Amino acid sequence: MTNNSAAFVLDIATKLPPHVCTREQSLEVAKQVFAQDPQALEFLTRLMLGSGIEKRHTVIADYGKPASERSFFAQTDDLRPEPSTDQRNRLFVQAA
């Protein structure tokens, strides 16, 4: 007995999350989060500048907003306490 059914890819699409975080915004966030840890900030700055990534798409709308307008990250200068991995994953699944 042979199975003559076959699977076909009918369409390929790309969907990006609705919000964008630029490299400059990422650097500003890093400066806030790691203000008390210059070694970590220096490392992240080199990493971000050397990555070649100019922007990232995200489901998090808080990037570039003043602290008082954040809905996901803490409304503090250093964005702490940071959301847990579970909170981040739930937001991603909700937006997917």
Protein backbone atom coordinates (compact mmCIF):
# COMPACT_ATOMS: atom_id res chain seq x y z
CA MET A 1 0.00 0.00 0.00
CA THR A 2 1.46 3.36 -1.01
CA ASN A 3 0.53 6.82 0.11
CA ASN A 4 0.31 9.20 -2.84
CA SER A 5 -0.64 12.27 -0.82
CA ALA A 6 1.90 15.06 -0.69
CA ALA A 7 2.26 18.24 1.29
CA PHE A 8 2.82 21.57 -0.43
CA VAL A 9 3.85 24.99 0.80
CA LEU A 10 1.19 27.29 -0.60
CA ASP A 11 2.41 30.60 0.72
CA ILE A 12 5.24 32.16 2.70
CA ALA A 13 4.78 35.40 4.59
CA THR A 14 6.64 37.54 7.08
CA LYS A 15 4.92 39.33 9.90
CA LEU A 16 6.81 41.74 12.09
CA PRO A 17 5.76 42.93 15.53
CA PRO A 18 4.16 46.38 15.38
CA HIS A 19 6.71 48.42 17.36
CA VAL A 20 10.26 49.38 16.46
CA CYS A 21 13.19 50.02 18.79
CA THR A 22 16.12 51.73 17.12
CA ARG A 23 19.74 51.14 18.07
CA GLU A 24 19.79 54.64 19.55
CA GLN A 25 16.75 53.85 21.71
CA SER A 26 18.36 50.58 22.80
CA LEU A 27 21.50 52.45 23.82
CA GLU A 28 19.44 54.94 25.84
CA VAL A 29 17.66 52.09 27.62
CA ALA A 30 21.02 50.43 28.34
CA LYS A 31 22.34 53.70 29.79
CA GLN A 32 19.34 53.83 32.12
CA VAL A 33 19.45 50.19 33.18
CA PHE A 34 23.22 49.96 33.60
CA ALA A 35 23.98 53.45 34.92
CA GLN A 36 25.51 51.88 38.05
CA ASP A 37 27.50 49.25 36.13
CA PRO A 38 29.90 51.00 33.71
CA GLN A 39 31.62 47.76 32.72
CA ALA A 40 28.35 46.16 31.62
CA LEU A 41 27.31 49.37 29.85
CA GLU A 42 30.60 49.53 27.96
CA PHE A 43 30.22 45.89 26.89
CA LEU A 44 26.61 46.36 25.73
CA THR A 45 27.49 49.56 23.88
CA ARG A 46 30.26 47.77 21.95
CA LEU A 47 27.92 44.86 21.27
CA MET A 48 25.11 47.07 19.98
CA LEU A 49 27.35 49.28 17.85
CA GLY A 50 29.20 46.29 16.40
CA SER A 51 26.11 44.21 15.64
CA GLY A 52 25.08 46.15 12.55
CA ILE A 53 21.46 45.96 13.71
CA GLU A 54 19.87 49.37 13.28
CA LYS A 55 16.40 48.54 14.56
CA ARG A 56 14.52 45.69 16.16
CA HIS A 57 10.84 44.92 15.92
CA THR A 58 9.07 44.19 19.20
CA VAL A 59 5.66 43.66 20.74
CA ILE A 60 6.68 45.97 23.60
CA ALA A 61 5.36 49.49 23.04
CA ASP A 62 7.35 51.15 25.85
CA TYR A 63 10.58 51.91 23.97
CA GLY A 64 11.09 55.63 23.49
CA LYS A 65 8.29 56.56 25.89
CA PRO A 66 8.72 58.61 29.05
CA ALA A 67 8.56 56.61 32.29
CA SER A 68 5.07 57.88 33.10
CA GLU A 69 3.68 56.43 29.85
CA ARG A 70 5.17 52.93 30.14
CA SER A 71 2.72 50.07 30.43
CA PHE A 72 5.08 47.07 30.43
CA PHE A 73 8.37 48.21 31.97
CA ALA A 74 8.47 49.76 35.42
CA GLN A 75 7.90 53.50 35.54
CA THR A 76 11.30 54.08 37.15
CA ASP A 77 14.47 55.70 35.80
CA ASP A 78 16.29 52.36 35.62
CA LEU A 79 13.25 50.38 34.38
CA ARG A 80 13.51 48.10 37.43
CA PRO A 81 12.20 45.76 38.50
CA GLU A 82 12.45 44.20 35.06
CA PRO A 83 9.57 42.11 33.72
CA SER A 84 10.10 38.39 34.18
CA THR A 85 10.70 36.00 31.30
CA ASP A 86 7.18 34.66 31.89
CA GLN A 87 5.69 38.17 31.56
CA ARG A 88 7.66 38.77 28.36
CA ASN A 89 6.59 35.44 26.90
CA ARG A 90 2.93 36.04 27.77
CA LEU A 91 3.02 39.42 26.02
CA PHE A 92 4.63 37.84 22.95
CA VAL A 93 2.08 35.00 22.80
CA GLN A 94 -0.77 37.48 23.26
CA ALA A 95 0.51 39.56 20.34
CA ALA A 96 1.27 36.60 18.06
